[in-house]
Every structure is written in C-alpha cells, then in structure tokens.
N, C-alpha and C. Protein backbone atom coordinates (compact mmCIF):
# COMPACT_ATOMS: atom_id res chain seq x y z
N MET A 1 99.27 60.62 121.51
CA MET A 1 98.02 60.61 122.26
C MET A 1 97.55 59.26 122.57
N SER A 2 97.49 58.38 121.60
CA SER A 2 96.98 57.07 121.79
C SER A 2 97.83 56.21 122.71
N GLU A 3 99.15 56.56 122.74
CA GLU A 3 100.01 55.83 123.71
C GLU A 3 99.63 56.25 125.19
N ASN A 4 99.39 57.42 125.40
CA ASN A 4 98.96 57.88 126.73
C ASN A 4 97.64 57.26 127.17
N ILE A 5 96.67 57.23 126.21
CA ILE A 5 95.38 56.62 126.48
C ILE A 5 95.52 55.16 126.78
N ASN A 6 96.40 54.42 126.07
CA ASN A 6 96.63 53.01 126.35
C ASN A 6 97.25 52.82 127.76
N LYS A 7 98.13 53.72 128.13
CA LYS A 7 98.73 53.66 129.49
C LYS A 7 97.69 53.86 130.58
N ILE A 8 96.77 54.76 130.39
CA ILE A 8 95.69 55.03 131.27
C ILE A 8 94.73 53.81 131.28
N PHE A 9 94.46 53.23 130.21
CA PHE A 9 93.65 51.98 130.18
C PHE A 9 94.30 50.88 130.97
N ALA A 10 95.59 50.76 130.83
CA ALA A 10 96.34 49.65 131.61
C ALA A 10 96.21 49.99 133.11
N PHE A 11 96.27 51.27 133.43
CA PHE A 11 96.14 51.63 134.86
C PHE A 11 94.76 51.33 135.37
N ILE A 12 93.71 51.63 134.59
CA ILE A 12 92.29 51.41 134.94
C ILE A 12 92.03 49.90 135.14
N VAL A 13 92.61 49.07 134.31
CA VAL A 13 92.56 47.58 134.43
C VAL A 13 93.21 47.11 135.71
N GLU A 14 94.44 47.70 135.97
CA GLU A 14 95.15 47.27 137.19
C GLU A 14 94.51 47.59 138.46
N ILE A 15 93.94 48.75 138.57
CA ILE A 15 93.33 49.27 139.80
C ILE A 15 92.05 48.48 140.13
N ASP A 16 91.49 47.77 139.10
CA ASP A 16 90.24 47.01 139.34
C ASP A 16 90.59 45.92 140.38
N LYS A 17 91.83 45.56 140.53
CA LYS A 17 92.24 44.53 141.52
C LYS A 17 92.03 44.95 142.87
N LEU A 18 91.82 46.17 143.16
CA LEU A 18 91.54 46.66 144.58
C LEU A 18 90.26 46.04 145.05
N LYS A 19 89.38 45.73 144.16
CA LYS A 19 88.07 45.07 144.58
C LYS A 19 88.29 43.68 145.16
N ASN A 20 89.45 43.09 144.96
CA ASN A 20 89.75 41.79 145.42
C ASN A 20 90.50 41.81 146.77
N VAL A 21 90.79 43.01 147.30
CA VAL A 21 91.51 43.08 148.57
C VAL A 21 90.47 43.18 149.63
N LEU A 22 90.43 42.11 150.47
CA LEU A 22 89.35 42.09 151.64
C LEU A 22 89.90 42.79 152.88
N ARG A 23 89.01 43.47 153.50
CA ARG A 23 89.30 44.06 154.81
C ARG A 23 88.75 43.20 155.97
N LYS A 24 88.77 43.70 157.16
CA LYS A 24 88.25 42.93 158.32
C LYS A 24 87.03 43.45 158.86
N THR A 25 86.29 44.32 158.29
CA THR A 25 85.04 44.74 158.67
C THR A 25 83.96 44.41 157.60
N ARG A 26 82.70 44.15 158.10
CA ARG A 26 81.70 43.79 157.19
C ARG A 26 80.73 44.96 156.96
N PRO A 27 80.27 45.14 155.73
CA PRO A 27 79.24 46.19 155.48
C PRO A 27 78.02 45.97 156.40
N VAL A 28 77.43 47.03 156.83
CA VAL A 28 76.28 46.90 157.71
C VAL A 28 75.22 46.01 157.14
N GLY A 29 74.79 44.99 157.90
CA GLY A 29 73.74 44.09 157.55
C GLY A 29 74.21 42.95 156.66
N LEU A 30 75.48 42.87 156.36
CA LEU A 30 75.92 41.73 155.48
C LEU A 30 76.87 40.82 156.19
N ASP A 31 76.97 39.66 155.74
CA ASP A 31 77.85 38.61 156.37
C ASP A 31 79.20 38.56 155.81
N ARG A 32 79.42 39.13 154.63
CA ARG A 32 80.63 39.08 153.92
C ARG A 32 81.55 40.29 154.35
N TYR A 33 82.81 40.22 154.07
CA TYR A 33 83.75 41.36 154.37
C TYR A 33 83.70 42.37 153.22
N GLU A 34 83.97 43.56 153.62
CA GLU A 34 84.12 44.69 152.69
C GLU A 34 85.40 44.48 151.86
N ASN A 35 85.38 44.99 150.65
CA ASN A 35 86.62 45.02 149.87
C ASN A 35 87.09 46.49 149.88
N SER A 36 88.41 46.63 149.53
CA SER A 36 89.00 47.97 149.62
C SER A 36 88.44 48.96 148.57
N GLY A 37 87.98 48.45 147.43
CA GLY A 37 87.35 49.29 146.44
C GLY A 37 86.09 49.89 147.01
N GLU A 38 85.30 49.01 147.74
CA GLU A 38 84.06 49.57 148.37
C GLU A 38 84.35 50.58 149.36
N HIS A 39 85.44 50.30 150.15
CA HIS A 39 85.88 51.28 151.24
C HIS A 39 86.23 52.67 150.58
N SER A 40 86.91 52.62 149.47
CA SER A 40 87.29 53.91 148.84
C SER A 40 86.06 54.71 148.46
N TRP A 41 85.03 54.04 147.84
CA TRP A 41 83.87 54.76 147.52
C TRP A 41 83.20 55.30 148.79
N HIS A 42 83.15 54.45 149.79
CA HIS A 42 82.35 54.82 151.06
C HIS A 42 83.07 56.03 151.71
N VAL A 43 84.40 56.06 151.74
CA VAL A 43 84.98 57.28 152.46
C VAL A 43 84.91 58.52 151.65
N CYS A 44 84.83 58.34 150.31
CA CYS A 44 84.67 59.60 149.43
C CYS A 44 83.31 60.16 149.69
N LEU A 45 82.26 59.43 149.65
CA LEU A 45 80.84 59.95 149.91
C LEU A 45 80.78 60.42 151.38
N SER A 46 81.47 59.78 152.36
CA SER A 46 81.42 60.19 153.73
C SER A 46 82.06 61.57 153.80
N ALA A 47 83.23 61.79 153.18
CA ALA A 47 83.85 63.09 153.17
C ALA A 47 83.01 64.16 152.64
N LEU A 48 82.36 63.91 151.51
CA LEU A 48 81.39 64.83 150.92
C LEU A 48 80.28 65.29 151.89
N MET A 49 79.74 64.32 152.58
CA MET A 49 78.64 64.61 153.51
C MET A 49 79.11 65.30 154.77
N LEU A 50 80.37 65.11 155.14
CA LEU A 50 80.86 65.57 156.49
C LEU A 50 81.81 66.77 156.33
N LYS A 51 82.00 67.35 155.09
CA LYS A 51 82.98 68.36 154.83
C LYS A 51 82.81 69.58 155.70
N ASP A 52 81.63 69.94 156.11
CA ASP A 52 81.44 71.10 156.97
C ASP A 52 81.93 71.03 158.33
N TYR A 53 82.37 69.76 158.72
CA TYR A 53 82.82 69.57 160.06
C TYR A 53 84.35 69.53 160.25
N SER A 54 85.00 69.89 159.10
CA SER A 54 86.51 69.92 159.16
C SER A 54 86.96 71.03 160.09
N ASN A 55 88.07 70.79 160.83
CA ASN A 55 88.60 71.82 161.61
C ASN A 55 89.00 73.03 160.86
N GLU A 56 89.47 72.81 159.70
CA GLU A 56 90.08 73.94 158.87
C GLU A 56 89.29 74.03 157.50
N SER A 57 89.46 75.17 156.85
CA SER A 57 88.92 75.27 155.54
C SER A 57 89.58 74.30 154.58
N ILE A 58 88.89 73.55 153.79
CA ILE A 58 89.45 72.58 152.88
C ILE A 58 88.82 72.67 151.52
N ASP A 59 89.61 72.09 150.54
CA ASP A 59 89.14 71.90 149.18
C ASP A 59 88.67 70.48 149.06
N ILE A 60 87.33 70.27 149.10
CA ILE A 60 86.79 68.93 149.18
C ILE A 60 87.17 68.06 148.03
N ASN A 61 87.26 68.68 146.85
CA ASN A 61 87.70 67.94 145.67
C ASN A 61 89.07 67.32 145.83
N HIS A 62 89.98 68.09 146.45
CA HIS A 62 91.32 67.67 146.78
C HIS A 62 91.28 66.46 147.74
N VAL A 63 90.42 66.57 148.77
CA VAL A 63 90.21 65.47 149.73
C VAL A 63 89.77 64.16 149.06
N ILE A 64 88.77 64.36 148.15
CA ILE A 64 88.25 63.17 147.48
C ILE A 64 89.28 62.50 146.61
N LYS A 65 90.10 63.31 145.89
CA LYS A 65 91.19 62.83 145.11
C LYS A 65 92.08 61.85 145.95
N MET A 66 92.48 62.38 147.13
CA MET A 66 93.38 61.61 148.02
C MET A 66 92.62 60.32 148.45
N LEU A 67 91.39 60.39 148.81
CA LEU A 67 90.62 59.20 149.30
C LEU A 67 90.54 58.14 148.24
N LEU A 68 90.33 58.59 146.94
CA LEU A 68 90.24 57.72 145.82
C LEU A 68 91.45 56.84 145.60
N ILE A 69 92.58 57.40 145.85
CA ILE A 69 93.87 56.71 145.57
C ILE A 69 94.62 56.25 146.78
N HIS A 70 94.13 56.57 148.00
CA HIS A 70 94.98 56.34 149.17
C HIS A 70 95.20 54.83 149.46
N ASP A 71 94.31 53.93 148.96
CA ASP A 71 94.50 52.52 149.32
C ASP A 71 94.99 51.65 148.05
N LEU A 72 95.41 52.27 146.98
CA LEU A 72 95.78 51.57 145.88
C LEU A 72 96.98 50.67 146.06
N GLY A 73 97.84 51.06 146.97
CA GLY A 73 99.09 50.31 147.31
C GLY A 73 98.71 48.97 147.91
N GLU A 74 97.46 48.78 148.37
CA GLU A 74 97.00 47.56 148.90
C GLU A 74 96.81 46.46 147.97
N ILE A 75 96.82 46.79 146.63
CA ILE A 75 96.75 45.78 145.65
C ILE A 75 97.96 44.93 145.73
N ASP A 76 99.15 45.45 146.11
CA ASP A 76 100.36 44.67 146.29
C ASP A 76 100.62 44.28 147.78
N ALA A 77 100.18 45.19 148.66
CA ALA A 77 100.55 45.00 150.07
C ALA A 77 99.49 44.33 150.90
N GLY A 78 98.24 44.28 150.35
CA GLY A 78 97.15 43.78 151.22
C GLY A 78 96.72 44.88 152.14
N ASP A 79 95.66 44.58 152.84
CA ASP A 79 95.15 45.54 153.97
C ASP A 79 95.69 45.24 155.28
N THR A 80 95.96 46.26 155.98
CA THR A 80 96.56 46.04 157.30
C THR A 80 95.70 46.76 158.31
N MET A 81 95.29 46.15 159.46
CA MET A 81 94.48 46.82 160.46
C MET A 81 95.29 47.96 161.11
N ILE A 82 94.57 49.00 161.35
CA ILE A 82 95.18 50.18 161.97
C ILE A 82 95.67 49.91 163.44
N TYR A 83 95.24 48.81 164.01
CA TYR A 83 95.56 48.47 165.33
C TYR A 83 96.87 47.67 165.47
N GLU A 84 97.43 47.38 164.38
CA GLU A 84 98.78 46.68 164.28
C GLU A 84 99.78 47.52 165.04
N GLU A 85 100.73 46.84 165.80
CA GLU A 85 101.71 47.57 166.66
C GLU A 85 102.74 48.17 165.68
N ASN A 86 103.15 47.56 164.57
CA ASN A 86 104.16 48.11 163.76
C ASN A 86 103.63 48.15 162.28
N MET A 87 103.25 49.36 161.89
CA MET A 87 102.77 49.58 160.53
C MET A 87 103.80 49.91 159.56
N HIS A 88 105.03 50.11 160.02
CA HIS A 88 106.11 50.57 159.11
C HIS A 88 106.41 49.66 157.92
N LYS A 89 106.43 48.33 158.21
CA LYS A 89 106.75 47.43 157.17
C LYS A 89 105.57 47.43 156.12
N ALA A 90 104.37 47.41 156.56
CA ALA A 90 103.25 47.46 155.63
C ALA A 90 103.21 48.71 154.74
N LYS A 91 103.54 49.90 155.41
CA LYS A 91 103.54 51.09 154.60
C LYS A 91 104.65 51.17 153.60
N LEU A 92 105.79 50.53 153.93
CA LEU A 92 106.84 50.44 152.90
C LEU A 92 106.43 49.63 151.71
N LYS A 93 105.72 48.53 151.95
CA LYS A 93 105.22 47.72 150.84
C LYS A 93 104.14 48.46 150.05
N GLU A 94 103.31 49.20 150.78
CA GLU A 94 102.31 50.04 150.08
C GLU A 94 102.95 51.00 149.17
N ARG A 95 104.03 51.73 149.68
CA ARG A 95 104.67 52.72 148.88
C ARG A 95 105.29 52.14 147.60
N GLU A 96 105.89 50.97 147.74
CA GLU A 96 106.36 50.26 146.51
C GLU A 96 105.21 50.01 145.52
N GLY A 97 104.07 49.55 146.08
CA GLY A 97 102.98 49.26 145.22
C GLY A 97 102.48 50.51 144.53
N ILE A 98 102.38 51.58 145.25
CA ILE A 98 101.95 52.91 144.67
C ILE A 98 102.89 53.28 143.54
N LYS A 99 104.16 53.13 143.72
CA LYS A 99 105.09 53.54 142.66
C LYS A 99 104.88 52.62 141.35
N ARG A 100 104.70 51.35 141.61
CA ARG A 100 104.52 50.40 140.54
C ARG A 100 103.19 50.70 139.77
N ILE A 101 102.16 50.95 140.47
CA ILE A 101 100.72 51.11 139.85
C ILE A 101 100.72 52.44 139.13
N PHE A 102 101.17 53.54 139.83
CA PHE A 102 101.19 54.77 139.13
C PHE A 102 102.19 54.91 138.03
N GLY A 103 103.17 54.02 138.12
CA GLY A 103 104.20 53.94 137.02
C GLY A 103 103.58 53.52 135.69
N LEU A 104 102.40 52.97 135.74
CA LEU A 104 101.72 52.61 134.52
C LEU A 104 101.25 53.79 133.75
N LEU A 105 101.00 54.87 134.45
CA LEU A 105 100.44 56.10 133.84
C LEU A 105 101.56 56.93 133.11
N PRO A 106 101.13 57.85 132.20
CA PRO A 106 102.13 58.81 131.67
C PRO A 106 102.85 59.54 132.80
N SER A 107 104.11 59.83 132.70
CA SER A 107 104.96 60.34 133.79
C SER A 107 104.33 61.56 134.49
N GLU A 108 103.72 62.50 133.78
CA GLU A 108 103.27 63.65 134.43
C GLU A 108 102.10 63.29 135.34
N ASN A 109 101.22 62.36 134.96
CA ASN A 109 100.13 61.89 135.82
C ASN A 109 100.64 61.10 137.05
N SER A 110 101.69 60.28 136.76
CA SER A 110 102.26 59.48 137.77
C SER A 110 102.81 60.32 138.95
N ALA A 111 103.53 61.27 138.65
CA ALA A 111 104.16 62.19 139.64
C ALA A 111 103.05 62.91 140.52
N GLU A 112 101.93 63.30 139.84
CA GLU A 112 100.89 64.00 140.54
C GLU A 112 100.23 63.11 141.55
N TYR A 113 99.96 61.89 141.15
CA TYR A 113 99.21 61.02 142.08
C TYR A 113 100.10 60.41 143.18
N ILE A 114 101.33 60.17 142.90
CA ILE A 114 102.20 59.75 143.94
C ILE A 114 102.39 60.85 145.02
N ALA A 115 102.41 62.10 144.55
CA ALA A 115 102.40 63.24 145.53
C ALA A 115 101.19 63.31 146.32
N LEU A 116 100.04 62.94 145.73
CA LEU A 116 98.88 62.96 146.54
C LEU A 116 98.85 61.84 147.58
N TRP A 117 99.29 60.67 147.19
CA TRP A 117 99.34 59.56 148.22
C TRP A 117 100.32 59.99 149.33
N GLU A 118 101.47 60.63 149.07
CA GLU A 118 102.36 61.03 150.12
C GLU A 118 101.73 62.10 151.03
N GLU A 119 100.98 63.04 150.36
CA GLU A 119 100.32 64.04 151.15
C GLU A 119 99.39 63.46 152.14
N PHE A 120 98.65 62.48 151.74
CA PHE A 120 97.75 61.72 152.63
C PHE A 120 98.49 61.10 153.79
N GLU A 121 99.59 60.36 153.46
CA GLU A 121 100.36 59.64 154.45
C GLU A 121 101.02 60.58 155.45
N PHE A 122 101.59 61.74 154.99
CA PHE A 122 102.27 62.61 155.83
C PHE A 122 101.39 63.58 156.58
N GLU A 123 100.10 63.68 156.15
CA GLU A 123 99.14 64.40 156.92
C GLU A 123 99.56 65.87 157.19
N ASP A 124 100.23 66.50 156.23
CA ASP A 124 100.82 67.85 156.49
C ASP A 124 100.00 68.92 155.86
N THR A 125 98.70 68.66 155.38
CA THR A 125 97.89 69.71 154.97
C THR A 125 96.48 69.53 155.57
N ALA A 126 95.66 70.60 155.50
CA ALA A 126 94.32 70.55 156.11
C ALA A 126 93.55 69.41 155.40
N GLU A 127 93.62 69.30 154.11
CA GLU A 127 92.93 68.30 153.34
C GLU A 127 93.40 66.93 153.74
N ALA A 128 94.67 66.71 153.97
CA ALA A 128 95.15 65.36 154.34
C ALA A 128 94.69 65.05 155.75
N ARG A 129 94.70 66.03 156.65
CA ARG A 129 94.20 65.72 158.02
C ARG A 129 92.72 65.35 158.05
N PHE A 130 91.97 66.07 157.20
CA PHE A 130 90.52 65.69 157.16
C PHE A 130 90.31 64.40 156.47
N ALA A 131 91.03 64.11 155.42
CA ALA A 131 90.93 62.78 154.67
C ALA A 131 91.31 61.66 155.61
N ARG A 132 92.36 61.75 156.40
CA ARG A 132 92.75 60.73 157.37
C ARG A 132 91.69 60.52 158.38
N ALA A 133 91.09 61.62 158.87
CA ALA A 133 90.03 61.51 159.86
C ALA A 133 88.82 60.74 159.32
N ILE A 134 88.43 61.05 158.07
CA ILE A 134 87.23 60.42 157.42
C ILE A 134 87.55 58.97 157.21
N ASP A 135 88.76 58.66 156.84
CA ASP A 135 89.20 57.24 156.55
C ASP A 135 88.98 56.29 157.77
N ARG A 136 89.04 56.87 158.95
CA ARG A 136 88.82 56.03 160.08
C ARG A 136 87.34 55.83 160.51
N ILE A 137 86.41 56.66 159.90
CA ILE A 137 85.04 56.64 160.43
C ILE A 137 84.22 55.41 159.99
N PRO A 138 84.24 55.07 158.64
CA PRO A 138 83.38 53.90 158.29
C PRO A 138 83.69 52.58 159.09
N PRO A 139 84.94 52.23 159.24
CA PRO A 139 85.23 51.01 159.99
C PRO A 139 84.69 51.03 161.43
N VAL A 140 84.74 52.23 162.02
CA VAL A 140 84.21 52.40 163.39
C VAL A 140 82.62 52.12 163.28
N LEU A 141 81.97 52.77 162.36
CA LEU A 141 80.54 52.58 162.29
C LEU A 141 80.15 51.14 161.88
N HIS A 142 80.98 50.50 161.09
CA HIS A 142 80.74 49.07 160.78
C HIS A 142 80.69 48.26 162.03
N ASN A 143 81.64 48.56 162.93
CA ASN A 143 81.70 47.80 164.16
C ASN A 143 80.53 48.19 165.11
N LEU A 144 80.19 49.42 165.22
CA LEU A 144 79.15 49.94 166.08
C LEU A 144 77.77 49.36 165.61
N HIS A 145 77.67 49.18 164.35
CA HIS A 145 76.42 48.70 163.80
C HIS A 145 76.46 47.19 163.35
N GLY A 146 77.53 46.56 163.95
CA GLY A 146 77.72 45.07 163.50
C GLY A 146 78.19 44.30 164.69
N ASP A 147 77.69 44.59 165.88
CA ASP A 147 78.11 43.77 167.13
C ASP A 147 79.59 43.76 167.41
N LEU A 148 80.27 44.87 166.96
CA LEU A 148 81.66 45.03 167.29
C LEU A 148 82.55 43.88 166.67
N HIS A 149 82.04 43.31 165.56
CA HIS A 149 82.54 42.04 165.06
C HIS A 149 84.10 42.11 164.81
N SER A 150 84.58 43.10 164.23
CA SER A 150 86.02 43.19 163.95
C SER A 150 86.90 43.30 165.20
N TRP A 151 86.47 44.09 166.05
CA TRP A 151 87.18 44.30 167.34
C TRP A 151 87.10 43.03 168.19
N GLN A 152 85.93 42.37 168.20
CA GLN A 152 85.88 41.12 168.93
C GLN A 152 86.68 40.06 168.31
N ASP A 153 86.57 39.83 167.05
CA ASP A 153 87.27 38.78 166.35
C ASP A 153 88.82 38.92 166.53
N ASN A 154 89.28 40.16 166.58
CA ASN A 154 90.74 40.39 166.62
C ASN A 154 91.18 40.78 167.98
N ASN A 155 90.29 40.63 169.01
CA ASN A 155 90.66 40.86 170.39
C ASN A 155 91.23 42.27 170.62
N ILE A 156 90.58 43.30 170.05
CA ILE A 156 91.01 44.66 170.23
C ILE A 156 90.28 45.32 171.41
N PRO A 157 91.08 45.67 172.42
CA PRO A 157 90.42 46.27 173.65
C PRO A 157 89.94 47.71 173.30
N MET A 158 88.85 48.09 174.03
CA MET A 158 88.28 49.39 173.77
C MET A 158 89.24 50.54 174.03
N GLU A 159 90.20 50.44 174.99
CA GLU A 159 91.16 51.52 175.18
C GLU A 159 92.02 51.68 173.96
N LYS A 160 92.24 50.62 173.22
CA LYS A 160 93.10 50.77 171.99
C LYS A 160 92.24 51.38 170.89
N VAL A 161 91.01 50.99 170.81
CA VAL A 161 90.03 51.56 169.81
C VAL A 161 89.96 53.12 170.05
N LEU A 162 89.84 53.45 171.25
CA LEU A 162 89.80 54.89 171.56
C LEU A 162 91.02 55.65 171.26
N HIS A 163 92.10 54.97 171.61
CA HIS A 163 93.49 55.67 171.45
C HIS A 163 93.79 55.89 169.99
N VAL A 164 93.60 54.79 169.19
CA VAL A 164 93.98 54.81 167.76
C VAL A 164 93.06 55.79 167.01
N ASN A 165 91.80 55.76 167.33
CA ASN A 165 90.90 56.57 166.57
C ASN A 165 90.76 57.96 167.06
N SER A 166 91.44 58.32 168.15
CA SER A 166 91.47 59.69 168.67
C SER A 166 92.13 60.63 167.62
N SER A 167 92.87 60.12 166.76
CA SER A 167 93.47 60.98 165.73
C SER A 167 92.48 61.58 164.78
N ILE A 168 91.23 61.08 164.89
CA ILE A 168 90.15 61.76 164.02
C ILE A 168 90.05 63.22 164.42
N GLN A 169 90.32 63.60 165.63
CA GLN A 169 90.21 64.91 166.08
C GLN A 169 91.20 65.89 165.35
N HIS A 170 92.31 65.36 164.81
CA HIS A 170 93.17 66.20 164.12
C HIS A 170 92.55 66.80 162.81
N GLY A 171 91.57 66.06 162.31
CA GLY A 171 90.86 66.55 161.12
C GLY A 171 89.51 67.15 161.43
N SER A 172 88.89 66.59 162.51
CA SER A 172 87.55 67.18 162.99
C SER A 172 87.30 66.84 164.40
N LYS A 173 87.41 67.83 165.21
CA LYS A 173 87.11 67.76 166.64
C LYS A 173 85.63 67.44 166.87
N LYS A 174 84.75 68.05 166.02
CA LYS A 174 83.37 67.76 166.17
C LYS A 174 83.02 66.33 165.94
N LEU A 175 83.52 65.78 164.89
CA LEU A 175 83.29 64.37 164.57
C LEU A 175 83.80 63.39 165.69
N TRP A 176 85.02 63.73 166.10
CA TRP A 176 85.56 62.92 167.20
C TRP A 176 84.81 62.94 168.45
N GLU A 177 84.23 64.11 168.81
CA GLU A 177 83.40 64.32 169.97
C GLU A 177 82.23 63.34 169.97
N VAL A 178 81.59 63.18 168.84
CA VAL A 178 80.40 62.33 168.66
C VAL A 178 80.89 60.84 168.75
N ILE A 179 81.94 60.54 168.01
CA ILE A 179 82.39 59.16 167.92
C ILE A 179 82.92 58.75 169.29
N GLU A 180 83.67 59.61 169.98
CA GLU A 180 84.16 59.26 171.22
C GLU A 180 83.02 58.96 172.27
N SER A 181 81.98 59.75 172.21
CA SER A 181 80.86 59.50 173.06
C SER A 181 80.22 58.14 172.86
N ARG A 182 80.12 57.79 171.54
CA ARG A 182 79.52 56.41 171.28
C ARG A 182 80.45 55.26 171.73
N LEU A 183 81.80 55.51 171.54
CA LEU A 183 82.70 54.49 171.99
C LEU A 183 82.78 54.32 173.48
N ASN A 184 82.65 55.42 174.18
CA ASN A 184 82.58 55.40 175.63
C ASN A 184 81.39 54.64 176.17
N GLU A 185 80.32 54.74 175.44
CA GLU A 185 79.15 54.00 175.76
C GLU A 185 79.42 52.49 175.77
N VAL A 186 80.14 52.06 174.71
CA VAL A 186 80.45 50.68 174.54
C VAL A 186 81.41 50.28 175.63
N ALA A 187 82.40 51.19 175.93
CA ALA A 187 83.42 50.84 176.96
C ALA A 187 82.74 50.70 178.38
N ALA A 188 81.72 51.46 178.65
CA ALA A 188 80.98 51.45 179.88
C ALA A 188 80.29 50.12 180.08
N ASN A 189 79.94 49.53 178.97
CA ASN A 189 79.25 48.18 179.06
C ASN A 189 80.29 47.00 179.17
N ALA A 190 81.51 47.34 179.01
CA ALA A 190 82.66 46.32 179.12
C ALA A 190 82.44 45.19 178.22
N ILE A 191 82.01 45.53 176.91
CA ILE A 191 81.84 44.40 175.94
C ILE A 191 83.12 43.86 175.40
N LEU A 192 84.13 44.68 175.31
CA LEU A 192 85.41 44.22 174.74
C LEU A 192 86.42 44.06 175.89
N PRO A 193 87.38 43.21 175.59
CA PRO A 193 88.42 42.98 176.66
C PRO A 193 89.20 44.19 177.01
N GLN A 194 89.81 44.18 178.21
CA GLN A 194 90.54 45.29 178.66
C GLN A 194 92.06 45.24 178.33
N SER A 195 92.48 44.12 177.69
CA SER A 195 93.91 44.00 177.33
C SER A 195 93.89 43.20 176.07
N ASN A 196 95.07 43.35 175.38
CA ASN A 196 95.15 42.74 174.06
C ASN A 196 96.30 41.71 174.01
N ASN A 197 95.97 40.41 174.20
CA ASN A 197 96.97 39.42 174.25
C ASN A 197 97.04 38.61 173.02
N LYS A 198 96.27 38.87 172.01
CA LYS A 198 96.21 38.11 170.79
C LYS A 198 96.67 38.94 169.63
N PRO A 199 97.54 38.43 168.74
CA PRO A 199 98.02 39.20 167.59
C PRO A 199 96.82 39.66 166.71
N VAL A 200 96.95 40.86 166.20
CA VAL A 200 95.90 41.40 165.30
C VAL A 200 96.02 40.73 163.92
N GLN A 201 94.89 40.27 163.38
CA GLN A 201 94.92 39.79 162.04
C GLN A 201 94.94 40.86 161.00
N PRO A 202 95.53 40.64 159.80
CA PRO A 202 95.44 41.66 158.75
C PRO A 202 94.07 41.99 158.43
N GLY A 203 93.84 43.25 158.07
CA GLY A 203 92.54 43.62 157.61
C GLY A 203 92.28 45.12 157.98
N GLY A 204 91.13 45.69 157.46
CA GLY A 204 90.88 47.08 157.68
C GLY A 204 90.02 47.39 158.81
C-alpha cells in the first residue's frame, strides 16, 4: 500500500509542472499569459456550468476527468496553438509525455488515465465530443474579452478562427451558435487580417 501511495505522490509532484506551461492567451483583465494548469481548472468549471447544452446525454463526471488530464502531456511537449497547420508532431510528443507521466502511477491507474486521454483525443464518445467543445471555449472568450490579443499577435485571420472553432458544434450546436454569432460580429468589423502569412507561435 505505501508503495502505491508513494507512486501517487510522485505523480502529484510531477503534474505540478503543468503550472509552468504558458499558453498564448491572457486571463481576462490581466497582462500575463495563462498557464495550462489554470486552463485545466477553467475548462472543468466551464463544462460543469454548460453541461445542459451538450448535443447528447453525457456523464459530466467523466467529462471532467478527461478535462483534468487532457493537457498533462504538455509538461513534456509544451502548448501548441490549435491554429497550427500540422498538429501531428506535437500530438506525438504529447502522447509520449502522457505515457511517461502516467507511468509514475500504479499500473492499474496508469492504464485507466491513458485510456481517458486517448478517448479525449479520438473524440469517439459523447463525453469526449463535449469535452473537446468546451476546451475550445475559454481561449475564444479570452480573445473576445481581451482585444483579440492572441489572434492579433499571431496573425490569425477570422476565417481560420471560425473554421477551427466550428468543431465546437460536434459537442454542442447551441454553444457554437452563440459563439459563431459573436465571431461573425468581429469578422464584420474586419478587425483581423483576411489571410495568414505569418507562422503561428506556440501557445494555447
């Protein structure tokens, strides 16, 4: 028993490093960038508040489990903006990080949480589709309530913001309807560029 507890303690110490992974959006009203630990908390509470808008019936506890662990691979891989053209390399590095980090746990726990991470990535359950949808929402709101800072800084055109985030509808058509309307208001004002000629910087 003490051996398993010590393994879990080692895991708890290791995941604290997620707080040192910086993203590319700033919390509303702050000048500093959000870290991935803060993001994980934010999406979990967002999922709890928005659970009634899922397209399908979901187990919200299962959703929250996925959201709590979905970014742990960033401890090794760093955070990558969803607007990157090729996410494959970053996801491979995250997967290796997930295996290493969960490998610190007792084997039965390790297998359970690696499976949760893969469920989130493959988006093949109602819970995973909703979790993926919710994961997209806080960064959008950070930009909408922060002068579009991340999109402006990384030269992300509004058509790309709309296209990439349209996957929110796979988990919640109602949430996407509201977000799409707000993004279209921004697009109508032509605040962002119409083409993307600058490489995207790493970040969330």
